PDB file of all heavy atoms in Angstrom:
ATOM      1  N   VAL A   1     105.779  77.183 115.424  1.00  0.00           N
ATOM      2  CA  VAL A   1     106.330  78.349 114.695  1.00  0.00           C
ATOM      3  C   VAL A   1     106.850  77.882 113.386  1.00  0.00           C
ATOM      4  O   VAL A   1     107.699  76.995 113.323  1.00  0.00           O
ATOM      5  CB  VAL A   1     107.401  78.991 115.637  1.00  0.00           C
ATOM      6  CG1 VAL A   1     107.946  80.137 114.826  1.00  0.00           C
ATOM      7  CG2 VAL A   1     106.820  79.379 116.869  1.00  0.00           C
ATOM      8  N   ARG A   2     106.342  78.479 112.203  1.00  0.00           N
ATOM      9  CA  ARG A   2     106.877  78.021 110.948  1.00  0.00           C
ATOM     10  C   ARG A   2     106.982  79.264 110.117  1.00  0.00           C
ATOM     11  O   ARG A   2     106.316  80.356 110.276  1.00  0.00           O
ATOM     12  CB  ARG A   2     105.881  77.040 110.228  1.00  0.00           C
ATOM     13  CG  ARG A   2     105.818  75.708 110.925  1.00  0.00           C
ATOM     14  CD  ARG A   2     105.275  74.711 110.107  1.00  0.00           C
ATOM     15  NE  ARG A   2     103.903  75.023 109.564  1.00  0.00           N
ATOM     16  CZ  ARG A   2     102.762  74.621 110.122  1.00  0.00           C
ATOM     17  NH1 ARG A   2     102.850  74.010 111.343  1.00  0.00           N
ATOM     18  NH2 ARG A   2     101.575  74.883 109.583  1.00  0.00           N
ATOM     19  N   TRP A   3     107.799  79.255 109.108  1.00  0.00           N
ATOM     20  CA  TRP A   3     107.924  80.314 108.142  1.00  0.00           C
ATOM     21  C   TRP A   3     106.705  80.227 107.171  1.00  0.00           C
ATOM     22  O   TRP A   3     106.264  79.088 106.672  1.00  0.00           O
ATOM     23  CB  TRP A   3     109.172  80.163 107.250  1.00  0.00           C
ATOM     24  CG  TRP A   3     110.409  80.558 107.988  1.00  0.00           C
ATOM     25  CD1 TRP A   3     111.398  79.681 108.426  1.00  0.00           C
ATOM     26  CD2 TRP A   3     110.911  81.795 108.436  1.00  0.00           C
ATOM     27  NE1 TRP A   3     112.321  80.304 109.149  1.00  0.00           N
ATOM     28  CE2 TRP A   3     112.030  81.696 109.135  1.00  0.00           C
ATOM     29  CE3 TRP A   3     110.314  83.151 108.293  1.00  0.00           C
ATOM     30  CZ2 TRP A   3     112.704  82.699 109.650  1.00  0.00           C
ATOM     31  CZ3 TRP A   3     111.060  84.163 108.889  1.00  0.00           C
ATOM     32  CH2 TRP A   3     112.240  83.893 109.532  1.00  0.00           C
ATOM     33  N   LEU A   4     105.983  81.311 106.979  1.00  0.00           N
ATOM     34  CA  LEU A   4     104.873  81.362 106.085  1.00  0.00           C
ATOM     35  C   LEU A   4     105.070  82.214 104.878  1.00  0.00           C
ATOM     36  O   LEU A   4     105.829  83.194 105.060  1.00  0.00           O
ATOM     37  CB  LEU A   4     103.613  81.829 106.882  1.00  0.00           C
ATOM     38  CG  LEU A   4     103.219  81.069 108.173  1.00  0.00           C
ATOM     39  CD1 LEU A   4     102.103  81.662 108.909  1.00  0.00           C
ATOM     40  CD2 LEU A   4     102.962  79.532 107.841  1.00  0.00           C
ATOM     41  N   ARG A   5     104.304  81.963 103.888  1.00  0.00           N
ATOM     42  CA  ARG A   5     104.273  82.855 102.730  1.00  0.00           C
ATOM     43  C   ARG A   5     103.101  83.713 102.709  1.00  0.00           C
ATOM     44  O   ARG A   5     101.897  83.217 103.153  1.00  0.00           O
ATOM     45  CB  ARG A   5     104.361  82.052 101.403  1.00  0.00           C
ATOM     46  CG  ARG A   5     105.816  81.325 101.280  1.00  0.00           C
ATOM     47  CD  ARG A   5     105.787  80.499  99.946  1.00  0.00           C
ATOM     48  NE  ARG A   5     104.751  79.480  99.962  1.00  0.00           N
ATOM     49  CZ  ARG A   5     103.767  79.457  99.189  1.00  0.00           C
ATOM     50  NH1 ARG A   5     103.370  80.495  98.426  1.00  0.00           N
ATOM     51  NH2 ARG A   5     102.824  78.457  99.306  1.00  0.00           N
ATOM     52  N   SER A   6     102.996  84.869 102.125  1.00  0.00           N
ATOM     53  CA  SER A   6     101.835  85.682 102.195  1.00  0.00           C
ATOM     54  C   SER A   6     101.713  86.413 100.774  1.00  0.00           C
ATOM     55  O   SER A   6     102.680  86.755 100.202  1.00  0.00           O
ATOM     56  CB  SER A   6     101.888  86.757 103.268  1.00  0.00           C
ATOM     57  OG  SER A   6     100.804  87.639 103.138  1.00  0.00           O
ATOM     58  N   ASN A   7     100.479  86.517 100.348  1.00  0.00           N
ATOM     59  CA  ASN A   7     100.207  87.355  99.133  1.00  0.00           C
ATOM     60  C   ASN A   7      99.781  88.794  99.446  1.00  0.00           C
ATOM     61  O   ASN A   7      99.297  89.608  98.762  1.00  0.00           O
ATOM     62  CB  ASN A   7      99.213  86.676  98.235  1.00  0.00           C
ATOM     63  CG  ASN A   7      97.808  86.591  98.858  1.00  0.00           C
ATOM     64  OD1 ASN A   7      97.670  87.154  99.949  1.00  0.00           O
ATOM     65  ND2 ASN A   7      96.838  85.954  98.150  1.00  0.00           N
ATOM     66  N   GLY A   8      99.911  89.143 100.775  1.00  0.00           N
ATOM     67  CA  GLY A   8      99.536  90.491 101.214  1.00  0.00           C
ATOM     68  C   GLY A   8      98.223  90.398 102.158  1.00  0.00           C
ATOM     69  O   GLY A   8      98.081  91.277 103.028  1.00  0.00           O
ATOM     70  N   THR A   9      97.441  89.458 101.983  1.00  0.00           N
ATOM     71  CA  THR A   9      96.158  89.361 102.793  1.00  0.00           C
ATOM     72  C   THR A   9      96.039  87.951 103.432  1.00  0.00           C
ATOM     73  O   THR A   9      95.499  87.875 104.485  1.00  0.00           O
ATOM     74  CB  THR A   9      94.915  89.597 101.907  1.00  0.00           C
ATOM     75  OG1 THR A   9      94.924  88.727 100.838  1.00  0.00           O
ATOM     76  CG2 THR A   9      94.986  91.077 101.402  1.00  0.00           C
ATOM     77  N   VAL A  10      96.581  86.888 102.757  1.00  0.00           N
ATOM     78  CA  VAL A  10      96.226  85.518 103.229  1.00  0.00           C
ATOM     79  C   VAL A  10      97.560  84.864 103.410  1.00  0.00           C
ATOM     80  O   VAL A  10      98.556  85.044 102.554  1.00  0.00           O
ATOM     81  CB  VAL A  10      95.362  84.735 102.173  1.00  0.00           C
ATOM     82  CG1 VAL A  10      95.173  83.257 102.777  1.00  0.00           C
ATOM     83  CG2 VAL A  10      94.100  85.362 102.046  1.00  0.00           C
ATOM     84  N   PHE A  11      97.825  84.082 104.588  1.00  0.00           N
ATOM     85  CA  PHE A  11      99.066  83.465 104.778  1.00  0.00           C
ATOM     86  C   PHE A  11      98.849  81.895 104.382  1.00  0.00           C
ATOM     87  O   PHE A  11      97.831  81.378 104.592  1.00  0.00           O
ATOM     88  CB  PHE A  11      99.413  83.496 106.238  1.00  0.00           C
ATOM     89  CG  PHE A  11      99.868  84.903 106.695  1.00  0.00           C
ATOM     90  CD1 PHE A  11      99.010  85.891 107.118  1.00  0.00           C
ATOM     91  CD2 PHE A  11     101.225  85.193 106.667  1.00  0.00           C
ATOM     92  CE1 PHE A  11      99.458  87.120 107.458  1.00  0.00           C
ATOM     93  CE2 PHE A  11     101.714  86.453 107.093  1.00  0.00           C
ATOM     94  CZ  PHE A  11     100.771  87.440 107.450  1.00  0.00           C
ATOM     95  N   TYR A  12      99.933  81.411 103.887  1.00  0.00           N
ATOM     96  CA  TYR A  12      99.963  79.974 103.447  1.00  0.00           C
ATOM     97  C   TYR A  12     101.016  79.251 104.195  1.00  0.00           C
ATOM     98  O   TYR A  12     102.150  79.801 104.350  1.00  0.00           O
ATOM     99  CB  TYR A  12     100.151  79.926 101.845  1.00  0.00           C
ATOM    100  CG  TYR A  12      99.005  80.526 101.058  1.00  0.00           C
ATOM    101  CD1 TYR A  12      99.085  81.865 100.813  1.00  0.00           C
ATOM    102  CD2 TYR A  12      97.868  79.821 100.671  1.00  0.00           C
ATOM    103  CE1 TYR A  12      98.137  82.523 100.007  1.00  0.00           C
ATOM    104  CE2 TYR A  12      96.956  80.488  99.922  1.00  0.00           C
ATOM    105  CZ  TYR A  12      97.055  81.814  99.631  1.00  0.00           C
ATOM    106  OH  TYR A  12      96.072  82.346  98.945  1.00  0.00           O
ATOM    107  N   ASP A  13     100.740  78.012 104.556  1.00  0.00           N
ATOM    108  CA  ASP A  13     101.779  77.182 105.224  1.00  0.00           C
ATOM    109  C   ASP A  13     102.681  76.648 104.101  1.00  0.00           C
ATOM    110  O   ASP A  13     102.410  76.747 102.964  1.00  0.00           O
ATOM    111  CB  ASP A  13     101.087  76.147 106.165  1.00  0.00           C
ATOM    112  CG  ASP A  13     100.278  75.145 105.299  1.00  0.00           C
ATOM    113  OD1 ASP A  13     100.535  75.014 103.988  1.00  0.00           O
ATOM    114  OD2 ASP A  13      99.468  74.404 105.876  1.00  0.00           O
ATOM    115  N   PRO A  14     103.777  75.973 104.622  1.00  0.00           N
ATOM    116  CA  PRO A  14     104.691  75.336 103.647  1.00  0.00           C
ATOM    117  C   PRO A  14     104.078  74.445 102.589  1.00  0.00           C
ATOM    118  O   PRO A  14     104.598  74.233 101.539  1.00  0.00           O
ATOM    119  CB  PRO A  14     105.704  74.638 104.505  1.00  0.00           C
ATOM    120  CG  PRO A  14     105.628  75.353 105.754  1.00  0.00           C
ATOM    121  CD  PRO A  14     104.276  75.783 106.005  1.00  0.00           C
ATOM    122  N   GLU A  15     102.852  73.750 102.929  1.00  0.00           N
ATOM    123  CA  GLU A  15     102.199  72.893 102.009  1.00  0.00           C
ATOM    124  C   GLU A  15     101.211  73.658 101.045  1.00  0.00           C
ATOM    125  O   GLU A  15     100.636  73.143 100.239  1.00  0.00           O
ATOM    126  CB  GLU A  15     101.298  71.911 102.797  1.00  0.00           C
ATOM    127  CG  GLU A  15     102.211  70.772 103.455  1.00  0.00           C
ATOM    128  CD  GLU A  15     102.974  71.361 104.772  1.00  0.00           C
ATOM    129  OE1 GLU A  15     102.358  72.222 105.303  1.00  0.00           O
ATOM    130  OE2 GLU A  15     104.031  70.894 104.992  1.00  0.00           O
ATOM    131  N   GLY A  16     101.204  74.996 101.158  1.00  0.00           N
ATOM    132  CA  GLY A  16     100.415  75.799 100.302  1.00  0.00           C
ATOM    133  C   GLY A  16      98.921  76.043 100.714  1.00  0.00           C
ATOM    134  O   GLY A  16      98.161  76.509  99.952  1.00  0.00           O
ATOM    135  N   GLN A  17      98.576  75.588 101.963  1.00  0.00           N
ATOM    136  CA  GLN A  17      97.240  75.661 102.465  1.00  0.00           C
ATOM    137  C   GLN A  17      97.015  76.907 103.154  1.00  0.00           C
ATOM    138  O   GLN A  17      97.944  77.356 104.031  1.00  0.00           O
ATOM    139  CB  GLN A  17      96.907  74.492 103.334  1.00  0.00           C
ATOM    140  CG  GLN A  17      96.950  73.076 102.593  1.00  0.00           C
ATOM    141  CD  GLN A  17      95.953  73.059 101.419  1.00  0.00           C
ATOM    142  OE1 GLN A  17      94.846  73.480 101.642  1.00  0.00           O
ATOM    143  NE2 GLN A  17      96.427  72.564 100.298  1.00  0.00           N
ATOM    144  N   PRO A  18      95.954  77.607 103.102  1.00  0.00           N
ATOM    145  CA  PRO A  18      95.714  78.857 103.871  1.00  0.00           C
ATOM    146  C   PRO A  18      95.681  78.526 105.389  1.00  0.00           C
ATOM    147  O   PRO A  18      95.252  77.457 105.774  1.00  0.00           O
ATOM    148  CB  PRO A  18      94.342  79.351 103.342  1.00  0.00           C
ATOM    149  CG  PRO A  18      94.148  78.679 102.018  1.00  0.00           C
ATOM    150  CD  PRO A  18      94.828  77.371 102.109  1.00  0.00           C
ATOM    151  N   THR A  19      96.196  79.376 106.075  1.00  0.00           N
ATOM    152  CA  THR A  19      96.185  79.157 107.561  1.00  0.00           C
ATOM    153  C   THR A  19      95.971  80.415 108.387  1.00  0.00           C
ATOM    154  O   THR A  19      96.242  81.583 107.869  1.00  0.00           O
ATOM    155  CB  THR A  19      97.635  78.540 107.963  1.00  0.00           C
ATOM    156  OG1 THR A  19      97.634  78.210 109.359  1.00  0.00           O
ATOM    157  CG2 THR A  19      98.727  79.601 107.736  1.00  0.00           C
ATOM    158  N   ARG A  20      95.526  80.350 109.606  1.00  0.00           N
ATOM    159  CA  ARG A  20      95.278  81.431 110.428  1.00  0.00           C
ATOM    160  C   ARG A  20      96.603  81.826 111.206  1.00  0.00           C
ATOM    161  O   ARG A  20      97.410  80.913 111.602  1.00  0.00           O
ATOM    162  CB  ARG A  20      94.179  81.197 111.488  1.00  0.00           C
ATOM    163  CG  ARG A  20      92.819  81.027 110.759  1.00  0.00           C
ATOM    164  CD  ARG A  20      91.738  80.650 111.693  1.00  0.00           C
ATOM    165  NE  ARG A  20      91.567  81.704 112.690  1.00  0.00           N
ATOM    166  CZ  ARG A  20      90.804  81.603 113.782  1.00  0.00           C
ATOM    167  NH1 ARG A  20      90.333  80.441 114.126  1.00  0.00           N
ATOM    168  NH2 ARG A  20      90.661  82.650 114.608  1.00  0.00           N
ATOM    169  N   VAL A  21      96.768  83.116 111.523  1.00  0.00           N
ATOM    170  CA  VAL A  21      98.006  83.545 112.156  1.00  0.00           C
ATOM    171  C   VAL A  21      97.614  84.222 113.502  1.00  0.00           C
ATOM    172  O   VAL A  21      96.707  84.942 113.580  1.00  0.00           O
ATOM    173  CB  VAL A  21      98.832  84.535 111.320  1.00  0.00           C
ATOM    174  CG1 VAL A  21     100.008  85.102 112.027  1.00  0.00           C
ATOM    175  CG2 VAL A  21      99.186  83.870 109.976  1.00  0.00           C
ATOM    176  N   LEU A  22      98.363  83.659 114.545  1.00  0.00           N
ATOM    177  CA  LEU A  22      98.134  84.255 115.857  1.00  0.00           C
ATOM    178  C   LEU A  22      98.803  85.568 116.056  1.00  0.00           C
ATOM    179  O   LEU A  22      98.380  86.419 116.807  1.00  0.00           O
ATOM    180  CB  LEU A  22      98.474  83.135 116.869  1.00  0.00           C
ATOM    181  CG  LEU A  22      98.236  83.672 118.367  1.00  0.00           C
ATOM    182  CD1 LEU A  22      96.715  83.689 118.629  1.00  0.00           C
ATOM    183  CD2 LEU A  22      98.825  82.512 119.271  1.00  0.00           C
ATOM    184  N   GLY A  23     100.077  85.698 115.415  1.00  0.00           N
ATOM    185  CA  GLY A  23     100.905  86.803 115.661  1.00  0.00           C
ATOM    186  C   GLY A  23     102.051  86.779 114.688  1.00  0.00           C
ATOM    187  O   GLY A  23     102.316  85.707 114.037  1.00  0.00           O
ATOM    188  N   THR A  24     102.781  87.874 114.591  1.00  0.00           N
ATOM    189  CA  THR A  24     103.950  87.904 113.892  1.00  0.00           C
ATOM    190  C   THR A  24     105.083  88.498 114.613  1.00  0.00           C
ATOM    191  O   THR A  24     104.939  89.122 115.749  1.00  0.00           O
ATOM    192  CB  THR A  24     103.729  88.870 112.686  1.00  0.00           C
ATOM    193  OG1 THR A  24     103.527  90.210 113.133  1.00  0.00           O
ATOM    194  CG2 THR A  24     102.665  88.492 111.740  1.00  0.00           C
ATOM    195  N   VAL A  25     106.318  88.066 114.170  1.00  0.00           N
ATOM    196  CA  VAL A  25     107.517  88.482 114.987  1.00  0.00           C
ATOM    197  C   VAL A  25     108.470  89.275 114.025  1.00  0.00           C
ATOM    198  O   VAL A  25     108.653  88.863 112.909  1.00  0.00           O
ATOM    199  CB  VAL A  25     108.300  87.343 115.524  1.00  0.00           C
ATOM    200  CG1 VAL A  25     109.574  87.777 116.272  1.00  0.00           C
ATOM    201  CG2 VAL A  25     107.446  86.577 116.577  1.00  0.00           C
ATOM    202  N   THR A  26     108.784  90.453 114.436  1.00  0.00           N
ATOM    203  CA  THR A  26     109.701  91.320 113.584  1.00  0.00           C
ATOM    204  C   THR A  26     111.013  91.624 114.302  1.00  0.00           C
ATOM    205  O   THR A  26     110.972  92.018 115.467  1.00  0.00           O
ATOM    206  CB  THR A  26     109.134  92.629 113.235  1.00  0.00           C
ATOM    207  OG1 THR A  26     107.841  92.352 112.536  1.00  0.00           O
ATOM    208  CG2 THR A  26     110.036  93.431 112.302  1.00  0.00           C
ATOM    209  N   ASP A  27     112.198  91.348 113.756  1.00  0.00           N
ATOM    210  CA  ASP A  27     113.497  91.584 114.355  1.00  0.00           C
ATOM    211  C   ASP A  27     113.770  93.007 114.204  1.00  0.00           C
ATOM    212  O   ASP A  27     114.015  93.528 113.022  1.00  0.00           O
ATOM    213  CB  ASP A  27     114.553  90.708 113.735  1.00  0.00           C
ATOM    214  CG  ASP A  27     115.932  90.870 114.350  1.00  0.00           C
ATOM    215  OD1 ASP A  27     115.962  91.667 115.398  1.00  0.00           O
ATOM    216  OD2 ASP A  27     116.873  90.154 114.018  1.00  0.00           O
ATOM    217  N   THR A  28     113.820  93.814 115.324  1.00  0.00           N
ATOM    218  CA  THR A  28     114.074  95.215 115.232  1.00  0.00           C
ATOM    219  C   THR A  28     115.528  95.574 115.747  1.00  0.00           C
ATOM    220  O   THR A  28     115.789  96.732 116.110  1.00  0.00           O
ATOM    221  CB  THR A  28     113.013  95.988 116.227  1.00  0.00           C
ATOM    222  OG1 THR A  28     113.229  95.549 117.561  1.00  0.00           O
ATOM    223  CG2 THR A  28     111.640  95.668 115.609  1.00  0.00           C
ATOM    224  N   THR A  29     116.361  94.536 115.768  1.00  0.00           N
ATOM    225  CA  THR A  29     117.650  94.791 116.349  1.00  0.00           C
ATOM    226  C   THR A  29     118.362  95.864 115.521  1.00  0.00           C
ATOM    227  O   THR A  29     119.027  96.801 116.044  1.00  0.00           O
ATOM    228  CB  THR A  29     118.535  93.509 116.312  1.00  0.00           C
ATOM    229  OG1 THR A  29     117.820  92.558 117.142  1.00  0.00           O
ATOM    230  CG2 THR A  29     119.830  93.713 116.941  1.00  0.00           C
ATOM    231  N   HIS A  30     118.432  95.824 114.230  1.00  0.00           N
ATOM    232  CA  HIS A  30     119.079  96.686 113.419  1.00  0.00           C
ATOM    233  C   HIS A  30     118.567  98.134 113.502  1.00  0.00           C
ATOM    234  O   HIS A  30     119.183  99.053 113.518  1.00  0.00           O
ATOM    235  CB  HIS A  30     119.034  96.274 111.932  1.00  0.00           C
ATOM    236  CG  HIS A  30     119.739  97.169 111.044  1.00  0.00           C
ATOM    237  ND1 HIS A  30     121.047  97.436 111.021  1.00  0.00           N
ATOM    238  CD2 HIS A  30     119.332  97.859 109.849  1.00  0.00           C
ATOM    239  CE1 HIS A  30     121.470  98.254 110.097  1.00  0.00           C
ATOM    240  NE2 HIS A  30     120.400  98.526 109.393  1.00  0.00           N
ATOM    241  N   GLN A  31     117.130  98.167 113.597  1.00  0.00           N
ATOM    242  CA  GLN A  31     116.518  99.456 113.693  1.00  0.00           C
ATOM    243  C   GLN A  31     116.884 100.221 114.967  1.00  0.00           C
ATOM    244  O   GLN A  31     117.293 101.409 114.999  1.00  0.00           O
ATOM    245  CB  GLN A  31     114.963  99.278 113.551  1.00  0.00           C
ATOM    246  CG  GLN A  31     114.194 100.633 113.709  1.00  0.00           C
ATOM    247  CD  GLN A  31     112.750 100.349 113.733  1.00  0.00           C
ATOM    248  OE1 GLN A  31     112.243  99.248 113.577  1.00  0.00           O
ATOM    249  NE2 GLN A  31     111.982 101.491 113.925  1.00  0.00           N
ATOM    250  N   LYS A  32     116.850  99.407 116.157  1.00  0.00           N
ATOM    251  CA  LYS A  32     117.228  99.970 117.374  1.00  0.00           C
ATOM    252  C   LYS A  32     118.745 100.459 117.399  1.00  0.00           C
ATOM    253  O   LYS A  32     119.137 101.466 118.008  1.00  0.00           O
ATOM    254  CB  LYS A  32     117.009  98.967 118.554  1.00  0.00           C
ATOM    255  CG  LYS A  32     115.548  98.773 118.798  1.00  0.00           C
ATOM    256  CD  LYS A  32     115.310  97.899 119.975  1.00  0.00           C
ATOM    257  CE  LYS A  32     113.807  97.607 120.269  1.00  0.00           C
ATOM    258  NZ  LYS A  32     113.240  98.993 120.755  1.00  0.00           N
ATOM    259  N   ARG A  33     119.581  99.664 116.752  1.00  0.00           N
ATOM    260  CA  ARG A  33     121.001  99.982 116.759  1.00  0.00           C
ATOM    261  C   ARG A  33     121.198 101.340 115.893  1.00  0.00           C
ATOM    262  O   ARG A  33     122.002 102.210 116.356  1.00  0.00           O
ATOM    263  CB  ARG A  33     121.767  98.866 115.926  1.00  0.00           C
ATOM    264  CG  ARG A  33     123.294  99.104 116.014  1.00  0.00           C
ATOM    265  CD  ARG A  33     124.082  97.976 115.458  1.00  0.00           C
ATOM    266  NE  ARG A  33     124.086  96.843 116.258  1.00  0.00           N
ATOM    267  CZ  ARG A  33     123.476  95.663 115.952  1.00  0.00           C
ATOM    268  NH1 ARG A  33     122.762  95.565 114.837  1.00  0.00           N
ATOM    269  NH2 ARG A  33     123.479  94.607 116.774  1.00  0.00           N
ATOM    270  N   LEU A  34     120.386 101.436 114.811  1.00  0.00           N
ATOM    271  CA  LEU A  34     120.590 102.736 114.086  1.00  0.00           C
ATOM    272  C   LEU A  34     120.043 103.912 114.895  1.00  0.00           C
ATOM    273  O   LEU A  34     120.638 104.958 114.881  1.00  0.00           O
ATOM    274  CB  LEU A  34     119.709 102.551 112.806  1.00  0.00           C
ATOM    275  CG  LEU A  34     120.316 101.671 111.637  1.00  0.00           C
ATOM    276  CD1 LEU A  34     119.351 101.562 110.468  1.00  0.00           C
ATOM    277  CD2 LEU A  34     121.754 102.136 111.270  1.00  0.00           C
ATOM    278  N   GLN A  35     118.910 103.679 115.587  1.00  0.00           N
ATOM    279  CA  GLN A  35     118.436 104.721 116.486  1.00  0.00           C
ATOM    280  C   GLN A  35     119.425 105.134 117.553  1.00  0.00           C
ATOM    281  O   GLN A  35     119.615 106.338 117.743  1.00  0.00           O
ATOM    282  CB  GLN A  35     117.090 104.221 117.103  1.00  0.00           C
ATOM    283  CG  GLN A  35     115.929 104.181 116.312  1.00  0.00           C
ATOM    284  CD  GLN A  35     114.679 103.579 116.979  1.00  0.00           C
ATOM    285  OE1 GLN A  35     114.736 102.864 117.945  1.00  0.00           O
ATOM    286  NE2 GLN A  35     113.506 103.989 116.411  1.00  0.00           N
ATOM    287  N   PHE A  36     120.111 104.121 118.109  1.00  0.00           N
ATOM    288  CA  PHE A  36     121.120 104.468 119.185  1.00  0.00           C
ATOM    289  C   PHE A  36     122.267 105.213 118.551  1.00  0.00           C
ATOM    290  O   PHE A  36     122.733 106.224 119.116  1.00  0.00           O
ATOM    291  CB  PHE A  36     121.613 103.157 119.816  1.00  0.00           C
ATOM    292  CG  PHE A  36     122.759 103.305 120.724  1.00  0.00           C
ATOM    293  CD1 PHE A  36     122.548 103.831 121.987  1.00  0.00           C
ATOM    294  CD2 PHE A  36     124.071 103.054 120.313  1.00  0.00           C
ATOM    295  CE1 PHE A  36     123.589 103.989 122.872  1.00  0.00           C
ATOM    296  CE2 PHE A  36     125.146 103.257 121.105  1.00  0.00           C
ATOM    297  CZ  PHE A  36     124.910 103.684 122.462  1.00  0.00           C
TER     298      PHE A  36
END
């Protein structure tokens, strides 16, 4: 698990090389708190 950079279509690893992504994780805690 690493932080990646993206130009909108392609993800790059910390060394600047294109890499494939298996999935993404989004923290929805704040959104769920606002909904509640």
